[in-house]
PDB file of all heavy atoms in Angstrom:
ATOM      1  N   ILE A   1       3.836 -14.474  60.342  1.00  0.00           N
ATOM      2  CA  ILE A   1       3.843 -15.603  59.396  1.00  0.00           C
ATOM      3  C   ILE A   1       3.741 -15.028  58.006  1.00  0.00           C
ATOM      4  O   ILE A   1       3.127 -13.988  57.775  1.00  0.00           O
ATOM      5  CB  ILE A   1       2.664 -16.571  59.686  1.00  0.00           C
ATOM      6  CG1 ILE A   1       2.785 -17.826  58.776  1.00  0.00           C
ATOM      7  CG2 ILE A   1       1.320 -15.881  59.503  1.00  0.00           C
ATOM      8  CD1 ILE A   1       1.764 -18.898  59.147  1.00  0.00           C
ATOM      9  N   SER A   2       4.418 -15.682  57.081  1.00  0.00           N
ATOM     10  CA  SER A   2       4.290 -15.315  55.662  1.00  0.00           C
ATOM     11  C   SER A   2       4.357 -16.559  54.814  1.00  0.00           C
ATOM     12  O   SER A   2       4.796 -17.640  55.281  1.00  0.00           O
ATOM     13  CB  SER A   2       5.368 -14.317  55.235  1.00  0.00           C
ATOM     14  OG  SER A   2       5.081 -13.794  53.977  1.00  0.00           O
ATOM     15  N   PHE A   3       3.906 -16.441  53.558  1.00  0.00           N
ATOM     16  CA  PHE A   3       3.788 -17.582  52.651  1.00  0.00           C
ATOM     17  C   PHE A   3       4.498 -17.290  51.358  1.00  0.00           C
ATOM     18  O   PHE A   3       4.407 -16.162  50.806  1.00  0.00           O
ATOM     19  CB  PHE A   3       2.312 -17.827  52.368  1.00  0.00           C
ATOM     20  CG  PHE A   3       1.448 -18.060  53.569  1.00  0.00           C
ATOM     21  CD1 PHE A   3       0.848 -16.985  54.208  1.00  0.00           C
ATOM     22  CD2 PHE A   3       1.269 -19.328  54.082  1.00  0.00           C
ATOM     23  CE1 PHE A   3       0.034 -17.169  55.311  1.00  0.00           C
ATOM     24  CE2 PHE A   3       0.452 -19.541  55.194  1.00  0.00           C
ATOM     25  CZ  PHE A   3      -0.132 -18.465  55.824  1.00  0.00           C
ATOM     26  N   ASP A   4       5.212 -18.274  50.872  1.00  0.00           N
ATOM     27  CA  ASP A   4       5.634 -18.260  49.464  1.00  0.00           C
ATOM     28  C   ASP A   4       5.031 -19.489  48.797  1.00  0.00           C
ATOM     29  O   ASP A   4       4.663 -20.471  49.470  1.00  0.00           O
ATOM     30  CB  ASP A   4       7.163 -18.273  49.337  1.00  0.00           C
ATOM     31  CG  ASP A   4       7.799 -19.639  49.669  1.00  0.00           C
ATOM     32  OD1 ASP A   4       7.628 -20.587  48.908  1.00  0.00           O
ATOM     33  OD2 ASP A   4       8.459 -19.718  50.731  1.00  0.00           O
ATOM     34  N   ALA A   5       4.869 -19.425  47.510  1.00  0.00           N
ATOM     35  CA  ALA A   5       4.240 -20.528  46.782  1.00  0.00           C
ATOM     36  C   ALA A   5       4.598 -20.473  45.304  1.00  0.00           C
ATOM     37  O   ALA A   5       5.017 -19.429  44.813  1.00  0.00           O
ATOM     38  CB  ALA A   5       2.706 -20.511  46.978  1.00  0.00           C
ATOM     39  N   THR A   6       4.367 -21.573  44.628  1.00  0.00           N
ATOM     40  CA  THR A   6       4.454 -21.589  43.186  1.00  0.00           C
ATOM     41  C   THR A   6       3.459 -20.591  42.595  1.00  0.00           C
ATOM     42  O   THR A   6       2.459 -20.253  43.228  1.00  0.00           O
ATOM     43  CB  THR A   6       4.185 -22.978  42.618  1.00  0.00           C
ATOM     44  OG1 THR A   6       2.816 -23.329  42.881  1.00  0.00           O
ATOM     45  CG2 THR A   6       5.149 -23.997  43.206  1.00  0.00           C
ATOM     46  N   CYS A   7       3.705 -20.147  41.363  1.00  0.00           N
ATOM     47  CA  CYS A   7       2.818 -19.155  40.765  1.00  0.00           C
ATOM     48  C   CYS A   7       1.622 -19.869  40.111  1.00  0.00           C
ATOM     49  O   CYS A   7       1.394 -19.732  38.871  1.00  0.00           O
ATOM     50  CB  CYS A   7       3.585 -18.307  39.753  1.00  0.00           C
ATOM     51  SG  CYS A   7       4.514 -19.213  38.534  1.00  0.00           S
ATOM     52  N   SER A   8       0.866 -20.587  40.881  1.00  0.00           N
ATOM     53  CA  SER A   8      -0.339 -21.314  40.413  1.00  0.00           C
ATOM     54  C   SER A   8      -1.554 -20.426  40.584  1.00  0.00           C
ATOM     55  O   SER A   8      -1.565 -19.511  41.439  1.00  0.00           O
ATOM     56  CB  SER A   8      -0.483 -22.622  41.187  1.00  0.00           C
ATOM     57  OG  SER A   8       0.648 -23.445  41.026  1.00  0.00           O
ATOM     58  N   LEU A   9      -2.562 -20.636  39.750  1.00  0.00           N
ATOM     59  CA  LEU A   9      -3.777 -19.783  39.708  1.00  0.00           C
ATOM     60  C   LEU A   9      -4.902 -20.457  40.438  1.00  0.00           C
ATOM     61  O   LEU A   9      -5.343 -21.547  40.088  1.00  0.00           O
ATOM     62  CB  LEU A   9      -4.156 -19.562  38.232  1.00  0.00           C
ATOM     63  CG  LEU A   9      -5.486 -18.804  38.013  1.00  0.00           C
ATOM     64  CD1 LEU A   9      -5.372 -17.338  38.496  1.00  0.00           C
ATOM     65  CD2 LEU A   9      -5.894 -18.894  36.547  1.00  0.00           C
ATOM     66  N   VAL A  10      -5.440 -19.725  41.493  1.00  0.00           N
ATOM     67  CA  VAL A  10      -6.557 -20.240  42.274  1.00  0.00           C
ATOM     68  C   VAL A  10      -7.815 -19.442  41.928  1.00  0.00           C
ATOM     69  O   VAL A  10      -7.764 -18.210  41.860  1.00  0.00           O
ATOM     70  CB  VAL A  10      -6.261 -20.105  43.795  1.00  0.00           C
ATOM     71  CG1 VAL A  10      -7.399 -20.727  44.630  1.00  0.00           C
ATOM     72  CG2 VAL A  10      -4.929 -20.730  44.147  1.00  0.00           C
ATOM     73  N   VAL A  11      -8.930 -20.136  41.747  1.00  0.00           N
ATOM     74  CA  VAL A  11     -10.185 -19.498  41.369  1.00  0.00           C
ATOM     75  C   VAL A  11     -11.220 -19.812  42.431  1.00  0.00           C
ATOM     76  O   VAL A  11     -11.474 -20.986  42.782  1.00  0.00           O
ATOM     77  CB  VAL A  11     -10.693 -19.958  40.001  1.00  0.00           C
ATOM     78  CG1 VAL A  11     -11.986 -19.233  39.630  1.00  0.00           C
ATOM     79  CG2 VAL A  11      -9.619 -19.684  38.927  1.00  0.00           C
ATOM     80  N   ARG A  12     -11.847 -18.755  42.976  1.00  0.00           N
ATOM     81  CA  ARG A  12     -12.940 -18.880  43.994  1.00  0.00           C
ATOM     82  C   ARG A  12     -14.129 -18.059  43.550  1.00  0.00           C
ATOM     83  O   ARG A  12     -14.012 -17.100  42.766  1.00  0.00           O
ATOM     84  CB  ARG A  12     -12.454 -18.431  45.347  1.00  0.00           C
ATOM     85  CG  ARG A  12     -11.370 -19.336  45.976  1.00  0.00           C
ATOM     86  CD  ARG A  12     -11.969 -20.659  46.359  1.00  0.00           C
ATOM     87  NE  ARG A  12     -11.014 -21.585  47.001  1.00  0.00           N
ATOM     88  CZ  ARG A  12     -11.075 -22.011  48.248  1.00  0.00           C
ATOM     89  NH1 ARG A  12     -12.039 -21.572  49.031  1.00  0.00           N
ATOM     90  NH2 ARG A  12     -10.213 -22.875  48.705  1.00  0.00           N
ATOM     91  N   ASP A  13     -15.326 -18.394  44.100  1.00  0.00           N
ATOM     92  CA  ASP A  13     -16.506 -17.595  43.776  1.00  0.00           C
ATOM     93  C   ASP A  13     -16.617 -16.421  44.767  1.00  0.00           C
ATOM     94  O   ASP A  13     -15.768 -16.280  45.677  1.00  0.00           O
ATOM     95  CB  ASP A  13     -17.756 -18.483  43.753  1.00  0.00           C
ATOM     96  CG  ASP A  13     -18.201 -18.942  45.138  1.00  0.00           C
ATOM     97  OD1 ASP A  13     -17.723 -18.421  46.167  1.00  0.00           O
ATOM     98  OD2 ASP A  13     -19.065 -19.869  45.186  1.00  0.00           O
ATOM     99  N   PRO A  14     -17.607 -15.547  44.588  1.00  0.00           N
ATOM    100  CA  PRO A  14     -17.675 -14.352  45.448  1.00  0.00           C
ATOM    101  C   PRO A  14     -17.776 -14.659  46.928  1.00  0.00           C
ATOM    102  O   PRO A  14     -17.339 -13.860  47.789  1.00  0.00           O
ATOM    103  CB  PRO A  14     -18.938 -13.645  44.945  1.00  0.00           C
ATOM    104  CG  PRO A  14     -19.044 -14.035  43.495  1.00  0.00           C
ATOM    105  CD  PRO A  14     -18.595 -15.472  43.469  1.00  0.00           C
ATOM    106  N   ALA A  15     -18.330 -15.849  47.268  1.00  0.00           N
ATOM    107  CA  ALA A  15     -18.447 -16.233  48.691  1.00  0.00           C
ATOM    108  C   ALA A  15     -17.215 -16.945  49.173  1.00  0.00           C
ATOM    109  O   ALA A  15     -17.150 -17.328  50.331  1.00  0.00           O
ATOM    110  CB  ALA A  15     -19.694 -17.110  48.889  1.00  0.00           C
ATOM    111  N   GLY A  16     -16.240 -17.189  48.296  1.00  0.00           N
ATOM    112  CA  GLY A  16     -15.014 -17.853  48.693  1.00  0.00           C
ATOM    113  C   GLY A  16     -15.012 -19.338  48.448  1.00  0.00           C
ATOM    114  O   GLY A  16     -14.034 -20.032  48.845  1.00  0.00           O
ATOM    115  N   ALA A  17     -16.073 -19.875  47.823  1.00  0.00           N
ATOM    116  CA  ALA A  17     -16.099 -21.328  47.554  1.00  0.00           C
ATOM    117  C   ALA A  17     -15.293 -21.675  46.310  1.00  0.00           C
ATOM    118  O   ALA A  17     -15.049 -20.813  45.471  1.00  0.00           O
ATOM    119  CB  ALA A  17     -17.558 -21.772  47.389  1.00  0.00           C
ATOM    120  N   GLN A  18     -14.888 -22.925  46.227  1.00  0.00           N
ATOM    121  CA  GLN A  18     -14.066 -23.363  45.105  1.00  0.00           C
ATOM    122  C   GLN A  18     -14.810 -23.358  43.806  1.00  0.00           C
ATOM    123  O   GLN A  18     -16.009 -23.677  43.736  1.00  0.00           O
ATOM    124  CB  GLN A  18     -13.536 -24.774  45.393  1.00  0.00           C
ATOM    125  CG  GLN A  18     -12.550 -24.852  46.575  1.00  0.00           C
ATOM    126  CD  GLN A  18     -12.056 -26.268  46.853  1.00  0.00           C
ATOM    127  OE1 GLN A  18     -12.748 -27.021  47.532  1.00  0.00           O
ATOM    128  NE2 GLN A  18     -10.881 -26.607  46.332  1.00  0.00           N
ATOM    129  N   VAL A  19     -14.090 -23.014  42.725  1.00  0.00           N
ATOM    130  CA  VAL A  19     -14.594 -22.999  41.362  1.00  0.00           C
ATOM    131  C   VAL A  19     -13.701 -23.887  40.519  1.00  0.00           C
ATOM    132  O   VAL A  19     -12.504 -23.715  40.513  1.00  0.00           O
ATOM    133  CB  VAL A  19     -14.671 -21.569  40.782  1.00  0.00           C
ATOM    134  CG1 VAL A  19     -15.055 -21.593  39.298  1.00  0.00           C
ATOM    135  CG2 VAL A  19     -15.598 -20.676  41.586  1.00  0.00           C
ATOM    136  N   SER A  20     -14.291 -24.785  39.755  1.00  0.00           N
ATOM    137  CA  SER A  20     -13.483 -25.747  38.973  1.00  0.00           C
ATOM    138  C   SER A  20     -12.722 -25.062  37.851  1.00  0.00           C
ATOM    139  O   SER A  20     -13.255 -24.197  37.132  1.00  0.00           O
ATOM    140  CB  SER A  20     -14.393 -26.821  38.402  1.00  0.00           C
ATOM    141  OG  SER A  20     -13.634 -27.717  37.600  1.00  0.00           O
ATOM    142  N   VAL A  21     -11.465 -25.489  37.687  1.00  0.00           N
ATOM    143  CA  VAL A  21     -10.675 -25.081  36.531  1.00  0.00           C
ATOM    144  C   VAL A  21     -10.378 -26.311  35.667  1.00  0.00           C
ATOM    145  O   VAL A  21      -9.558 -26.268  34.751  1.00  0.00           O
ATOM    146  CB  VAL A  21      -9.339 -24.434  36.977  1.00  0.00           C
ATOM    147  CG1 VAL A  21      -9.595 -23.151  37.777  1.00  0.00           C
ATOM    148  CG2 VAL A  21      -8.462 -25.402  37.756  1.00  0.00           C
ATOM    149  N   SER A  22     -11.068 -27.411  35.971  1.00  0.00           N
ATOM    150  CA  SER A  22     -10.799 -28.676  35.324  1.00  0.00           C
ATOM    151  C   SER A  22     -11.860 -29.076  34.328  1.00  0.00           C
ATOM    152  O   SER A  22     -13.048 -28.812  34.482  1.00  0.00           O
ATOM    153  CB  SER A  22     -10.725 -29.759  36.417  1.00  0.00           C
ATOM    154  OG  SER A  22     -10.462 -31.053  35.878  1.00  0.00           O
ATOM    155  N   LEU A  23     -11.434 -29.716  33.245  1.00  0.00           N
ATOM    156  CA  LEU A  23     -12.359 -30.234  32.251  1.00  0.00           C
ATOM    157  C   LEU A  23     -13.248 -31.326  32.851  1.00  0.00           C
ATOM    158  O   LEU A  23     -14.274 -31.672  32.299  1.00  0.00           O
ATOM    159  CB  LEU A  23     -11.605 -30.781  31.054  1.00  0.00           C
ATOM    160  CG  LEU A  23     -10.906 -29.728  30.199  1.00  0.00           C
ATOM    161  CD1 LEU A  23     -10.040 -30.404  29.119  1.00  0.00           C
ATOM    162  CD2 LEU A  23     -11.876 -28.735  29.572  1.00  0.00           C
ATOM    163  N   THR A  24     -12.845 -31.863  34.009  1.00  0.00           N
ATOM    164  CA  THR A  24     -13.658 -32.866  34.701  1.00  0.00           C
ATOM    165  C   THR A  24     -14.870 -32.223  35.347  1.00  0.00           C
ATOM    166  O   THR A  24     -15.861 -32.929  35.685  1.00  0.00           O
ATOM    167  CB  THR A  24     -12.853 -33.607  35.794  1.00  0.00           C
ATOM    168  OG1 THR A  24     -12.537 -32.679  36.830  1.00  0.00           O
ATOM    169  CG2 THR A  24     -11.583 -34.197  35.218  1.00  0.00           C
ATOM    170  N   GLY A  25     -14.831 -30.930  35.587  1.00  0.00           N
ATOM    171  CA  GLY A  25     -15.923 -30.222  36.249  1.00  0.00           C
ATOM    172  C   GLY A  25     -15.922 -30.361  37.760  1.00  0.00           C
ATOM    173  O   GLY A  25     -16.746 -29.729  38.411  1.00  0.00           O
ATOM    174  N   GLN A  26     -14.985 -31.102  38.325  1.00  0.00           N
ATOM    175  CA  GLN A  26     -14.908 -31.259  39.781  1.00  0.00           C
ATOM    176  C   GLN A  26     -14.479 -29.943  40.429  1.00  0.00           C
ATOM    177  O   GLN A  26     -13.410 -29.435  40.109  1.00  0.00           O
ATOM    178  CB  GLN A  26     -13.960 -32.389  40.156  1.00  0.00           C
ATOM    179  CG  GLN A  26     -14.457 -33.747  39.763  1.00  0.00           C
ATOM    180  CD  GLN A  26     -13.465 -34.851  40.180  1.00  0.00           C
ATOM    181  OE1 GLN A  26     -12.492 -35.089  39.490  1.00  0.00           O
ATOM    182  NE2 GLN A  26     -13.737 -35.461  41.299  1.00  0.00           N
ATOM    183  N   LYS A  27     -15.250 -29.441  41.365  1.00  0.00           N
ATOM    184  CA  LYS A  27     -14.935 -28.170  41.993  1.00  0.00           C
ATOM    185  C   LYS A  27     -13.656 -28.191  42.796  1.00  0.00           C
ATOM    186  O   LYS A  27     -13.017 -27.174  42.967  1.00  0.00           O
ATOM    187  CB  LYS A  27     -16.103 -27.701  42.848  1.00  0.00           C
ATOM    188  CG  LYS A  27     -17.342 -27.289  42.066  1.00  0.00           C
ATOM    189  CD  LYS A  27     -18.426 -26.737  43.012  1.00  0.00           C
ATOM    190  CE  LYS A  27     -19.633 -26.259  42.185  1.00  0.00           C
ATOM    191  NZ  LYS A  27     -20.701 -25.714  43.081  1.00  0.00           N
ATOM    192  N   ARG A  28     -13.313 -29.347  43.326  1.00  0.00           N
ATOM    193  CA  ARG A  28     -12.114 -29.413  44.172  1.00  0.00           C
ATOM    194  C   ARG A  28     -10.879 -29.005  43.389  1.00  0.00           C
ATOM    195  O   ARG A  28      -9.936 -28.496  44.005  1.00  0.00           O
ATOM    196  CB  ARG A  28     -11.938 -30.831  44.751  1.00  0.00           C
ATOM    197  CG  ARG A  28     -11.619 -31.880  43.721  1.00  0.00           C
ATOM    198  CD  ARG A  28     -11.392 -33.245  44.357  1.00  0.00           C
ATOM    199  NE  ARG A  28     -10.267 -33.226  45.289  1.00  0.00           N
ATOM    200  CZ  ARG A  28      -9.715 -34.332  45.822  1.00  0.00           C
ATOM    201  NH1 ARG A  28     -10.169 -35.521  45.498  1.00  0.00           N
ATOM    202  NH2 ARG A  28      -8.702 -34.251  46.672  1.00  0.00           N
ATOM    203  N   TRP A  29     -10.849 -29.278  42.093  1.00  0.00           N
ATOM    204  CA  TRP A  29      -9.657 -28.888  41.297  1.00  0.00           C
ATOM    205  C   TRP A  29      -9.894 -27.444  40.856  1.00  0.00           C
ATOM    206  O   TRP A  29     -10.268 -27.172  39.716  1.00  0.00           O
ATOM    207  CB  TRP A  29      -9.499 -29.841  40.096  1.00  0.00           C
ATOM    208  CG  TRP A  29      -9.403 -31.277  40.499  1.00  0.00           C
ATOM    209  CD1 TRP A  29     -10.267 -32.283  40.142  1.00  0.00           C
ATOM    210  CD2 TRP A  29      -8.425 -31.859  41.380  1.00  0.00           C
ATOM    211  NE1 TRP A  29      -9.873 -33.469  40.718  1.00  0.00           N
ATOM    212  CE2 TRP A  29      -8.760 -33.238  41.482  1.00  0.00           C
ATOM    213  CE3 TRP A  29      -7.322 -31.422  42.072  1.00  0.00           C
ATOM    214  CZ2 TRP A  29      -8.019 -34.152  42.265  1.00  0.00           C
ATOM    215  CZ3 TRP A  29      -6.587 -32.280  42.831  1.00  0.00           C
ATOM    216  CH2 TRP A  29      -6.910 -33.623  42.935  1.00  0.00           C
ATOM    217  N   ASP A  30      -9.526 -26.539  41.752  1.00  0.00           N
ATOM    218  CA  ASP A  30      -9.760 -25.104  41.530  1.00  0.00           C
ATOM    219  C   ASP A  30      -8.480 -24.313  41.252  1.00  0.00           C
ATOM    220  O   ASP A  30      -8.488 -23.101  41.212  1.00  0.00           O
ATOM    221  CB  ASP A  30     -10.462 -24.512  42.759  1.00  0.00           C
ATOM    222  CG  ASP A  30      -9.622 -24.538  44.007  1.00  0.00           C
ATOM    223  OD1 ASP A  30      -8.609 -25.284  44.068  1.00  0.00           O
ATOM    224  OD2 ASP A  30      -9.952 -23.826  44.976  1.00  0.00           O
ATOM    225  N   THR A  31      -7.377 -25.016  41.062  1.00  0.00           N
ATOM    226  CA  THR A  31      -6.062 -24.397  40.916  1.00  0.00           C
ATOM    227  C   THR A  31      -5.329 -24.949  39.702  1.00  0.00           C
ATOM    228  O   THR A  31      -5.119 -26.165  39.614  1.00  0.00           O
ATOM    229  CB  THR A  31      -5.219 -24.595  42.184  1.00  0.00           C
ATOM    230  OG1 THR A  31      -5.922 -24.084  43.311  1.00  0.00           O
ATOM    231  CG2 THR A  31      -3.882 -23.891  42.074  1.00  0.00           C
ATOM    232  N   ILE A  32      -4.946 -24.067  38.788  1.00  0.00           N
ATOM    233  CA  ILE A  32      -4.097 -24.454  37.653  1.00  0.00           C
ATOM    234  C   ILE A  32      -2.658 -24.348  38.085  1.00  0.00           C
ATOM    235  O   ILE A  32      -2.177 -23.249  38.471  1.00  0.00           O
ATOM    236  CB  ILE A  32      -4.344 -23.588  36.415  1.00  0.00           C
ATOM    237  CG1 ILE A  32      -5.824 -23.670  35.980  1.00  0.00           C
ATOM    238  CG2 ILE A  32      -3.461 -24.034  35.275  1.00  0.00           C
ATOM    239  CD1 ILE A  32      -6.168 -22.798  34.786  1.00  0.00           C
ATOM    240  N   VAL A  33      -1.910 -25.445  38.079  1.00  0.00           N
ATOM    241  CA  VAL A  33      -0.531 -25.486  38.558  1.00  0.00           C
ATOM    242  C   VAL A  33       0.353 -24.664  37.640  1.00  0.00           C
ATOM    243  O   VAL A  33       0.141 -24.580  36.401  1.00  0.00           O
ATOM    244  CB  VAL A  33      -0.048 -26.957  38.655  1.00  0.00           C
ATOM    245  CG1 VAL A  33       1.386 -27.011  39.181  1.00  0.00           C
ATOM    246  CG2 VAL A  33      -0.989 -27.756  39.538  1.00  0.00           C
ATOM    247  N   TRP A  34       1.362 -24.100  38.181  1.00  0.00           N
ATOM    248  CA  TRP A  34       2.313 -23.226  37.439  1.00  0.00           C
ATOM    249  C   TRP A  34       2.810 -23.910  36.161  1.00  0.00           C
ATOM    250  O   TRP A  34       2.921 -23.269  35.115  1.00  0.00           O
ATOM    251  CB  TRP A  34       3.488 -22.790  38.315  1.00  0.00           C
ATOM    252  CG  TRP A  34       4.403 -23.900  38.644  1.00  0.00           C
ATOM    253  CD1 TRP A  34       4.343 -24.758  39.712  1.00  0.00           C
ATOM    254  CD2 TRP A  34       5.535 -24.341  37.879  1.00  0.00           C
ATOM    255  NE1 TRP A  34       5.354 -25.694  39.679  1.00  0.00           N
ATOM    256  CE2 TRP A  34       6.119 -25.462  38.563  1.00  0.00           C
ATOM    257  CE3 TRP A  34       6.174 -23.900  36.720  1.00  0.00           C
ATOM    258  CZ2 TRP A  34       7.245 -26.146  38.111  1.00  0.00           C
ATOM    259  CZ3 TRP A  34       7.299 -24.578  36.253  1.00  0.00           C
ATOM    260  CH2 TRP A  34       7.815 -25.674  36.949  1.00  0.00           C
ATOM    261  N   LEU A  35       3.125 -25.193  36.238  1.00  0.00           N
ATOM    262  CA  LEU A  35       3.775 -25.880  35.097  1.00  0.00           C
ATOM    263  C   LEU A  35       2.756 -26.307  34.017  1.00  0.00           C
ATOM    264  O   LEU A  35       3.168 -26.821  32.967  1.00  0.00           O
ATOM    265  CB  LEU A  35       4.581 -27.080  35.571  1.00  0.00           C
ATOM    266  CG  LEU A  35       3.864 -28.157  36.448  1.00  0.00           C
ATOM    267  CD1 LEU A  35       3.029 -29.095  35.620  1.00  0.00           C
ATOM    268  CD2 LEU A  35       4.893 -28.941  37.201  1.00  0.00           C
ATOM    269  N   ASP A  36       1.477 -26.118  34.269  1.00  0.00           N
ATOM    270  CA  ASP A  36       0.442 -26.477  33.308  1.00  0.00           C
ATOM    271  C   ASP A  36       0.615 -25.614  32.052  1.00  0.00           C
ATOM    272  O   ASP A  36       0.699 -24.404  32.114  1.00  0.00           O
ATOM    273  CB  ASP A  36      -0.919 -26.188  33.986  1.00  0.00           C
ATOM    274  CG  ASP A  36      -2.108 -26.564  33.140  1.00  0.00           C
ATOM    275  OD1 ASP A  36      -2.225 -26.037  32.013  1.00  0.00           O
ATOM    276  OD2 ASP A  36      -2.934 -27.388  33.580  1.00  0.00           O
ATOM    277  N   HIS A  37       0.646 -26.274  30.875  1.00  0.00           N
ATOM    278  CA  HIS A  37       0.835 -25.592  29.615  1.00  0.00           C
ATOM    279  C   HIS A  37      -0.402 -25.672  28.731  1.00  0.00           C
ATOM    280  O   HIS A  37      -0.295 -25.545  27.488  1.00  0.00           O
ATOM    281  CB  HIS A  37       2.057 -26.151  28.871  1.00  0.00           C
ATOM    282  CG  HIS A  37       3.345 -25.545  29.286  1.00  0.00           C
ATOM    283  ND1 HIS A  37       4.459 -25.531  28.494  1.00  0.00           N
ATOM    284  CD2 HIS A  37       3.721 -24.939  30.433  1.00  0.00           C
ATOM    285  CE1 HIS A  37       5.457 -24.941  29.121  1.00  0.00           C
ATOM    286  NE2 HIS A  37       5.044 -24.566  30.306  1.00  0.00           N
ATOM    287  N   ARG A  38      -1.582 -25.768  29.311  1.00  0.00           N
ATOM    288  CA  ARG A  38      -2.813 -25.851  28.501  1.00  0.00           C
ATOM    289  C   ARG A  38      -3.032 -24.577  27.678  1.00  0.00           C
ATOM    290  O   ARG A  38      -3.723 -24.598  26.650  1.00  0.00           O
ATOM    291  CB  ARG A  38      -3.996 -26.112  29.383  1.00  0.00           C
ATOM    292  CG  ARG A  38      -4.448 -24.950  30.297  1.00  0.00           C
ATOM    293  CD  ARG A  38      -5.609 -25.240  31.169  1.00  0.00           C
ATOM    294  NE  ARG A  38      -5.279 -26.217  32.199  1.00  0.00           N
ATOM    295  CZ  ARG A  38      -6.146 -26.707  33.082  1.00  0.00           C
ATOM    296  NH1 ARG A  38      -7.416 -26.275  33.072  1.00  0.00           N
ATOM    297  NH2 ARG A  38      -5.776 -27.567  33.987  1.00  0.00           N
ATOM    298  N   ALA A  39      -2.495 -23.469  28.160  1.00  0.00           N
ATOM    299  CA  ALA A  39      -2.775 -22.166  27.569  1.00  0.00           C
ATOM    300  C   ALA A  39      -1.660 -21.709  26.606  1.00  0.00           C
ATOM    301  O   ALA A  39      -1.439 -20.515  26.436  1.00  0.00           O
ATOM    302  CB  ALA A  39      -2.992 -21.117  28.629  1.00  0.00           C
ATOM    303  N   ILE A  40      -0.991 -22.652  25.963  1.00  0.00           N
ATOM    304  CA  ILE A  40       0.120 -22.259  25.090  1.00  0.00           C
ATOM    305  C   ILE A  40      -0.333 -21.461  23.894  1.00  0.00           C
ATOM    306  O   ILE A  40       0.353 -20.515  23.464  1.00  0.00           O
ATOM    307  CB  ILE A  40       0.919 -23.547  24.679  1.00  0.00           C
ATOM    308  CG1 ILE A  40       2.273 -23.147  24.092  1.00  0.00           C
ATOM    309  CG2 ILE A  40       0.112 -24.427  23.713  1.00  0.00           C
ATOM    310  CD1 ILE A  40       3.236 -24.302  23.954  1.00  0.00           C
ATOM    311  N   ASP A  41      -1.528 -21.769  23.332  1.00  0.00           N
ATOM    312  CA  ASP A  41      -2.015 -20.984  22.194  1.00  0.00           C
ATOM    313  C   ASP A  41      -2.341 -19.565  22.639  1.00  0.00           C
ATOM    314  O   ASP A  41      -2.062 -18.597  21.919  1.00  0.00           O
ATOM    315  CB  ASP A  41      -3.236 -21.666  21.595  1.00  0.00           C
ATOM    316  CG  ASP A  41      -2.926 -22.962  20.849  1.00  0.00           C
ATOM    317  OD1 ASP A  41      -1.750 -23.163  20.506  1.00  0.00           O
ATOM    318  OD2 ASP A  41      -3.812 -23.799  20.694  1.00  0.00           O
ATOM    319  N   GLU A  42      -2.935 -19.463  23.823  1.00  0.00           N
ATOM    320  CA  GLU A  42      -3.273 -18.130  24.344  1.00  0.00           C
ATOM    321  C   GLU A  42      -2.009 -17.324  24.641  1.00  0.00           C
ATOM    322  O   GLU A  42      -1.998 -16.088  24.411  1.00  0.00           O
ATOM    323  CB  GLU A  42      -4.121 -18.271  25.626  1.00  0.00           C
ATOM    324  CG  GLU A  42      -5.574 -18.713  25.377  1.00  0.00           C
ATOM    325  CD  GLU A  42      -5.721 -20.188  25.107  1.00  0.00           C
ATOM    326  OE1 GLU A  42      -4.708 -20.934  25.239  1.00  0.00           O
ATOM    327  OE2 GLU A  42      -6.852 -20.640  24.795  1.00  0.00           O
ATOM    328  N   ALA A  43      -0.979 -17.983  25.104  1.00  0.00           N
ATOM    329  CA  ALA A  43       0.317 -17.281  25.329  1.00  0.00           C
ATOM    330  C   ALA A  43       0.828 -16.744  23.990  1.00  0.00           C
ATOM    331  O   ALA A  43       1.352 -15.610  23.956  1.00  0.00           O
ATOM    332  CB  ALA A  43       1.300 -18.232  25.989  1.00  0.00           C
TER     333      ALA A  43
END
């Protein structure tokens, strides 16, 4: 089996639990989608 996926960024803690990437603070939203342009200034 193999996987392909969009180039989205997933963040987990050292134990493998979800870490929030959202301004809402909800841990479930742990992945910044590839098309997200929040980091345009950083780019």
